[in-house]
Amino acid sequence: MPGGQERALRRRIRSVRATQKITRAMELIATSQIARAQARLSVAAPYQKGLAEVLAEAAKDVGTHAGHLLGVPEDPRRVLVLHLVADRGLCGGYNANVLRTVERLVRSNGDRGVETRLVAVGRKGPAYLRFRGVQVDEAFTGFSDRPTFADAREVAAAVVRPFLDGEVDQVLVVSTRFLSAGTQVVEQRQLLPLPEPAGDGGEHERGAAAAPAGEAAGPPRREGYVEFEPAARDLLADLVPRYAEAAIFGALLEAAASEHTARQRAMAAATDNAEELAKNLSRVMNRARQDAITTEIMEIVGGAEALRRDVETP
């Protein structure tokens, strides 16, 4: 029995060590992907910042004539929610934190009589929500860890068209904001209508503009006069798809960086846990081996003593 226990422990230790090698490799891969994602985030920042500045100037010129394209709806009755999660798991609570926020938002909107449509990015979203009885209207998969601008444009087309056609009153984005390598937070922010410029209610800074990590959400104030050709109102309507593409691309990049960071932390913890488990199993195996050796020695001594007694007995 002790020998069988020792063999079982040896097999389990080998299995733990093999798993530890896998988690260690995944940790190293995620670490390299974090730096790459941060670099892409910083490269995309100038375009997003420039577009936000043009948007703010056009919104100031249009003022109250922007209609439903600008501001925050007072009482939206139809809301589209775009949520960004990962295609894969093994990244700690990254997916669950976003999806729980989406689920709470859907339940809250339902209690208030607000119709909610869902558009998902990542394979984990639809499976989670459908299991809980929440319908997902459209899903995009296959690029959560390394999104491109073409992917953002495809997603933007799915959320901008219903807004421009009047099918929804508001478009929200629920995703993970990458603030630093040690801080990522789940945020819910408005994508459409366009945020108001800073100074006109401050909604620009609370809107869905996907400002790069470490930079202010609102564009800097400019002095002077800007003249638009064509008219600012027409330009604002043309900017809606461009703004949505840039904002979604920025959110996708931040989500990708957050995913890699969460996976690196999860795999580092799994590697440490595997090491601790292997040590504990080794201790148990050593104790089992010592028990087996002690039992064998006692059996040998007992047998020798019995033989000695047989010999001494006349």
Protein backbone atom coordinates (compact mmCIF):
# COMPACT_ATOMS: atom_id res chain seq x y z
CA MET A 1 0.00 0.00 0.00
CA PRO A 2 2.75 2.56 0.85
CA GLY A 3 4.58 1.72 -2.39
CA GLY A 4 1.42 2.27 -4.42
CA GLN A 5 0.88 5.63 -2.73
CA GLU A 6 4.44 6.65 -3.56
CA ARG A 7 3.98 5.81 -7.24
CA ALA A 8 0.71 7.76 -7.37
CA LEU A 9 2.42 10.79 -5.78
CA ARG A 10 5.29 10.59 -8.25
CA ARG A 11 2.85 10.62 -11.17
CA ARG A 12 1.01 13.59 -9.69
CA ILE A 13 4.25 15.52 -9.13
CA ARG A 14 5.25 14.91 -12.77
CA SER A 15 1.84 16.16 -13.89
CA VAL A 16 2.14 19.31 -11.75
CA ARG A 17 5.64 20.00 -13.08
CA ALA A 18 4.41 19.64 -16.68
CA THR A 19 1.56 22.05 -15.99
CA GLN A 20 4.02 24.46 -14.39
CA LYS A 21 6.11 24.51 -17.56
CA ILE A 22 3.01 25.40 -19.59
CA THR A 23 1.90 28.19 -17.26
CA ARG A 24 5.44 29.56 -17.15
CA ALA A 25 5.59 29.66 -20.96
CA MET A 26 2.19 31.39 -21.12
CA GLU A 27 3.38 33.93 -18.54
CA LEU A 28 6.45 34.78 -20.64
CA ILE A 29 4.36 35.08 -23.81
CA ALA A 30 1.87 37.39 -22.09
CA THR A 31 4.73 39.51 -20.73
CA SER A 32 6.10 40.07 -24.23
CA GLN A 33 2.61 40.84 -25.55
CA ILE A 34 2.06 43.52 -22.89
CA ALA A 35 4.95 45.62 -24.18
CA ARG A 36 3.75 45.20 -27.77
CA ALA A 37 0.19 46.22 -26.85
CA GLN A 38 1.41 49.29 -24.98
CA ALA A 39 3.51 50.31 -27.99
CA ARG A 40 0.49 50.03 -30.29
CA LEU A 41 -1.55 52.06 -27.83
CA SER A 42 0.97 54.89 -27.83
CA VAL A 43 1.28 54.84 -31.65
CA ALA A 44 -2.48 55.22 -32.06
CA ALA A 45 -2.67 58.09 -29.57
CA PRO A 46 -1.86 61.03 -31.94
CA TYR A 47 -4.68 60.16 -34.37
CA GLN A 48 -7.22 59.78 -31.58
CA LYS A 49 -6.08 63.03 -29.97
CA GLY A 50 -6.21 64.96 -33.24
CA LEU A 51 -9.66 63.66 -34.09
CA ALA A 52 -10.90 64.60 -30.61
CA GLU A 53 -9.62 68.16 -31.11
CA VAL A 54 -11.38 68.52 -34.49
CA LEU A 55 -14.53 67.04 -32.98
CA ALA A 56 -14.48 69.50 -30.09
CA GLU A 57 -14.05 72.50 -32.42
CA ALA A 58 -16.86 71.35 -34.71
CA ALA A 59 -19.17 70.73 -31.74
CA LYS A 60 -18.49 74.22 -30.39
CA ASP A 61 -19.33 75.77 -33.76
CA VAL A 62 -22.54 73.75 -34.18
CA GLY A 63 -23.78 74.32 -30.63
CA THR A 64 -27.45 73.43 -30.13
CA HIS A 65 -28.01 72.67 -33.83
CA ALA A 66 -26.31 69.28 -33.60
CA GLY A 67 -29.59 67.52 -32.84
CA HIS A 68 -29.27 63.97 -31.52
CA LEU A 69 -25.60 63.71 -32.56
CA LEU A 70 -24.28 65.59 -29.53
CA GLY A 71 -24.80 65.44 -25.78
CA VAL A 72 -26.22 62.91 -23.34
CA PRO A 73 -29.83 61.71 -23.83
CA GLU A 74 -31.97 62.60 -20.83
CA ASP A 75 -34.24 59.56 -21.02
CA PRO A 76 -33.00 56.98 -23.57
CA ARG A 77 -35.51 54.21 -24.23
CA ARG A 78 -33.35 52.10 -26.57
CA VAL A 79 -29.71 51.51 -25.71
CA LEU A 80 -27.03 49.54 -27.55
CA VAL A 81 -24.21 48.18 -25.38
CA LEU A 82 -20.88 47.19 -26.94
CA HIS A 83 -18.77 45.11 -24.56
CA LEU A 84 -15.19 43.97 -25.08
CA VAL A 85 -13.86 40.73 -23.60
CA ALA A 86 -11.33 38.07 -24.60
CA ASP A 87 -11.54 35.17 -27.00
CA ARG A 88 -9.77 32.94 -24.49
CA GLY A 89 -9.80 32.35 -20.76
CA LEU A 90 -6.92 31.81 -18.33
CA CYS A 91 -6.78 35.54 -17.59
CA GLY A 92 -8.12 35.73 -14.06
CA GLY A 93 -11.19 37.87 -13.54
CA TYR A 94 -10.72 39.95 -16.70
CA ASN A 95 -13.72 38.52 -18.58
CA ALA A 96 -15.95 38.07 -15.56
CA ASN A 97 -15.54 41.68 -14.37
CA VAL A 98 -16.70 43.09 -17.72
CA LEU A 99 -19.54 40.61 -18.17
CA ARG A 100 -20.89 41.13 -14.66
CA THR A 101 -21.00 44.87 -15.36
CA VAL A 102 -22.90 44.23 -18.62
CA GLU A 103 -25.31 41.87 -16.87
CA ARG A 104 -26.06 44.43 -14.15
CA LEU A 105 -26.60 47.11 -16.80
CA VAL A 106 -29.04 44.91 -18.75
CA ARG A 107 -31.01 44.04 -15.60
CA SER A 108 -31.12 47.69 -14.53
CA ASN A 109 -32.32 48.82 -17.96
CA GLY A 110 -34.98 46.10 -17.94
CA ASP A 111 -36.28 47.27 -14.58
CA ARG A 112 -36.63 50.80 -15.99
CA GLY A 113 -38.31 49.64 -19.19
CA VAL A 114 -35.30 50.43 -21.38
CA GLU A 115 -34.71 48.15 -24.36
CA THR A 116 -31.09 46.94 -24.50
CA ARG A 117 -29.30 45.53 -27.53
CA LEU A 118 -25.92 43.84 -27.10
CA VAL A 119 -22.95 43.68 -29.44
CA ALA A 120 -20.05 41.55 -28.20
CA VAL A 121 -16.36 41.42 -29.03
CA GLY A 122 -14.73 38.19 -27.85
CA ARG A 123 -15.92 34.59 -27.62
CA LYS A 124 -16.39 34.60 -23.85
CA GLY A 125 -19.17 37.21 -23.89
CA PRO A 126 -21.98 35.46 -25.82
CA ALA A 127 -21.47 32.15 -24.01
CA TYR A 128 -21.63 33.80 -20.59
CA LEU A 129 -24.68 35.94 -21.33
CA ARG A 130 -26.71 33.33 -23.21
CA PHE A 131 -26.25 30.91 -20.32
CA ARG A 132 -27.90 33.58 -18.13
CA GLY A 133 -30.76 34.19 -20.52
CA VAL A 134 -29.44 37.42 -22.05
CA GLN A 135 -29.55 37.61 -25.84
CA VAL A 136 -26.56 38.90 -27.82
CA ASP A 137 -27.55 40.47 -31.15
CA GLU A 138 -24.13 40.36 -32.84
CA ALA A 139 -20.67 39.05 -31.94
CA PHE A 140 -17.17 39.60 -33.32
CA THR A 141 -14.41 37.12 -32.50
CA GLY A 142 -10.86 36.22 -33.37
CA PHE A 143 -8.98 39.47 -32.72
CA SER A 144 -9.34 40.37 -29.04
CA ASP A 145 -5.62 39.92 -28.26
CA ARG A 146 -4.32 41.75 -31.36
CA PRO A 147 -6.98 44.01 -32.92
CA THR A 148 -6.46 46.00 -36.11
CA PHE A 149 -8.11 49.18 -37.34
CA ALA A 150 -10.02 47.10 -39.89
CA ASP A 151 -11.53 45.14 -37.00
CA ALA A 152 -12.51 48.38 -35.27
CA ARG A 153 -14.10 49.66 -38.48
CA GLU A 154 -16.18 46.48 -38.78
CA VAL A 155 -17.37 46.77 -35.17
CA ALA A 156 -18.07 50.48 -35.57
CA ALA A 157 -20.28 49.82 -38.60
CA ALA A 158 -22.42 47.51 -36.49
CA VAL A 159 -23.04 50.11 -33.78
CA VAL A 160 -23.11 53.37 -35.78
CA ARG A 161 -25.76 52.33 -38.31
CA PRO A 162 -28.51 51.63 -35.71
CA PHE A 163 -27.79 54.98 -34.08
CA LEU A 164 -27.89 57.00 -37.32
CA ASP A 165 -31.04 55.15 -38.44
CA GLY A 166 -32.76 56.04 -35.17
CA GLU A 167 -33.06 52.45 -33.99
CA VAL A 168 -31.24 53.25 -30.72
CA ASP A 169 -30.96 56.46 -28.70
CA GLN A 170 -27.59 55.79 -27.08
CA VAL A 171 -24.53 53.60 -27.62
CA LEU A 172 -22.46 52.59 -24.59
CA VAL A 173 -19.10 50.83 -24.39
CA VAL A 174 -18.23 48.54 -21.48
CA SER A 175 -14.56 47.54 -21.48
CA THR A 176 -11.41 47.48 -19.39
CA ARG A 177 -9.45 50.72 -19.28
CA PHE A 178 -5.66 50.29 -19.24
CA LEU A 179 -4.31 52.93 -16.88
CA SER A 180 -0.95 51.32 -16.16
CA ALA A 181 0.68 47.91 -15.94
CA GLY A 182 -0.63 47.62 -12.39
CA THR A 183 -4.04 49.25 -12.77
CA GLN A 184 -6.88 48.28 -15.09
CA VAL A 185 -10.49 49.21 -14.37
CA VAL A 186 -13.80 48.28 -15.98
CA GLU A 187 -15.52 51.37 -17.36
CA GLN A 188 -18.91 52.11 -18.87
CA ARG A 189 -18.81 55.15 -21.13
CA GLN A 190 -20.92 56.74 -23.85
CA LEU A 191 -19.82 56.33 -27.44
CA LEU A 192 -22.78 57.94 -29.21
CA PRO A 193 -24.12 60.62 -29.21
CA LEU A 194 -20.82 62.44 -29.45
CA PRO A 195 -19.57 63.88 -26.16
CA GLU A 196 -19.95 67.58 -25.64
CA PRO A 197 -16.71 69.60 -25.76
CA ALA A 198 -15.02 70.49 -22.49
CA GLY A 199 -16.41 73.68 -21.05
CA ASP A 200 -19.96 73.02 -22.32
CA GLY A 201 -21.08 70.80 -19.51
CA GLY A 202 -17.90 68.73 -19.30
CA GLU A 203 -19.46 65.72 -20.93
CA HIS A 204 -16.51 65.29 -23.24
CA GLU A 205 -14.37 64.10 -20.38
CA ARG A 206 -17.08 61.71 -19.19
CA GLY A 207 -17.93 60.42 -22.66
CA ALA A 208 -16.66 57.47 -24.61
CA ALA A 209 -13.63 59.05 -26.21
CA ALA A 210 -11.00 56.37 -25.94
CA ALA A 211 -8.17 58.61 -24.81
CA PRO A 212 -4.81 56.84 -24.62
CA ALA A 213 -3.67 55.59 -21.24
CA GLY A 214 -1.94 58.30 -19.24
CA GLU A 215 -3.44 61.22 -21.22
CA ALA A 216 -6.34 63.51 -20.47
CA ALA A 217 -9.68 62.54 -21.97
CA GLY A 218 -10.55 66.02 -23.23
CA PRO A 219 -8.65 67.92 -25.96
CA PRO A 220 -6.61 70.99 -24.96
CA ARG A 221 -8.24 74.42 -25.24
CA ARG A 222 -7.29 76.35 -28.34
CA GLU A 223 -7.27 80.08 -28.87
CA GLY A 224 -8.25 81.65 -32.13
CA TYR A 225 -10.89 81.06 -34.76
CA VAL A 226 -11.52 77.92 -36.81
CA GLU A 227 -13.46 78.04 -40.07
CA PHE A 228 -14.95 74.81 -41.40
CA GLU A 229 -15.50 73.82 -45.02
CA PRO A 230 -18.01 72.22 -45.48
CA ALA A 231 -20.22 73.58 -42.72
CA ALA A 232 -19.49 72.38 -39.19
CA ARG A 233 -22.87 70.63 -38.98
CA ASP A 234 -22.16 68.57 -42.10
CA LEU A 235 -18.64 67.90 -40.91
CA LEU A 236 -19.97 66.73 -37.54
CA ALA A 237 -22.23 64.20 -39.27
CA ASP A 238 -19.25 62.92 -41.28
CA LEU A 239 -17.17 62.69 -38.13
CA VAL A 240 -19.56 60.31 -36.36
CA PRO A 241 -18.31 57.11 -38.10
CA ARG A 242 -14.67 58.29 -37.93
CA TYR A 243 -14.98 59.11 -34.26
CA ALA A 244 -16.65 55.77 -33.51
CA GLU A 245 -13.90 53.88 -35.37
CA ALA A 246 -11.12 55.71 -33.51
CA ALA A 247 -12.83 55.38 -30.12
CA ILE A 248 -13.52 51.67 -30.60
CA PHE A 249 -9.99 51.04 -31.86
CA GLY A 250 -8.59 52.77 -28.78
CA ALA A 251 -10.89 50.73 -26.54
CA LEU A 252 -9.83 47.51 -28.32
CA LEU A 253 -6.15 48.34 -27.82
CA GLU A 254 -6.69 49.08 -24.14
CA ALA A 255 -8.70 45.90 -23.73
CA ALA A 256 -5.95 43.87 -25.42
CA ALA A 257 -3.29 45.35 -23.14
CA SER A 258 -5.49 44.67 -20.11
CA GLU A 259 -6.11 41.09 -21.27
CA HIS A 260 -2.39 40.36 -21.62
CA THR A 261 -1.68 41.94 -18.24
CA ALA A 262 -4.42 39.91 -16.55
CA ARG A 263 -3.18 36.71 -18.21
CA GLN A 264 0.40 37.40 -17.15
CA ARG A 265 -0.68 37.86 -13.53
CA ALA A 266 -2.91 34.77 -13.63
CA MET A 267 -0.20 32.57 -15.14
CA ALA A 268 2.42 33.87 -12.69
CA ALA A 269 0.10 32.96 -9.81
CA ALA A 270 -0.57 29.54 -11.38
CA THR A 271 3.18 28.91 -11.74
CA ASP A 272 3.80 29.82 -8.10
CA ASN A 273 0.90 27.63 -6.98
CA ALA A 274 2.23 24.71 -9.01
CA GLU A 275 5.64 25.09 -7.38
CA GLU A 276 4.10 25.14 -3.91
CA LEU A 277 1.91 22.14 -4.71
CA ALA A 278 4.88 20.16 -6.03
CA LYS A 279 6.81 20.90 -2.84
CA ASN A 280 3.91 19.78 -0.66
CA LEU A 281 3.46 16.59 -2.68
CA SER A 282 7.20 15.91 -2.43
CA ARG A 283 6.99 16.19 1.35
CA VAL A 284 4.03 13.81 1.43
CA MET A 285 5.88 11.39 -0.87
CA ASN A 286 9.02 11.51 1.30
CA ARG A 287 6.96 10.76 4.39
CA ALA A 288 5.28 7.85 2.57
CA ARG A 289 8.70 6.55 1.50
CA GLN A 290 10.02 6.82 5.06
CA ASP A 291 6.93 5.02 6.35
CA ALA A 292 7.50 2.25 3.78
CA ILE A 293 11.18 1.93 4.73
CA THR A 294 10.33 1.89 8.45
CA THR A 295 7.70 -0.78 7.86
CA GLU A 296 10.13 -2.92 5.88
CA ILE A 297 12.83 -2.57 8.55
CA MET A 298 10.37 -3.54 11.25
CA GLU A 299 9.28 -6.57 9.21
CA ILE A 300 12.92 -7.64 8.70
CA VAL A 301 13.74 -7.17 12.38
CA GLY A 302 10.58 -9.02 13.39
CA GLY A 303 11.40 -11.89 11.03
CA ALA A 304 15.00 -12.09 12.27
CA GLU A 305 13.82 -12.10 15.87
CA ALA A 306 11.38 -14.91 15.11
CA LEU A 307 14.13 -16.97 13.45
CA ARG A 308 16.45 -16.38 16.40
CA ARG A 309 13.80 -17.60 18.80
CA ASP A 310 13.21 -20.71 16.67
CA VAL A 311 16.92 -21.49 16.73
CA GLU A 312 17.25 -20.98 20.48
CA THR A 313 14.21 -23.07 21.25
CA PRO A 314 15.32 -26.66 22.11
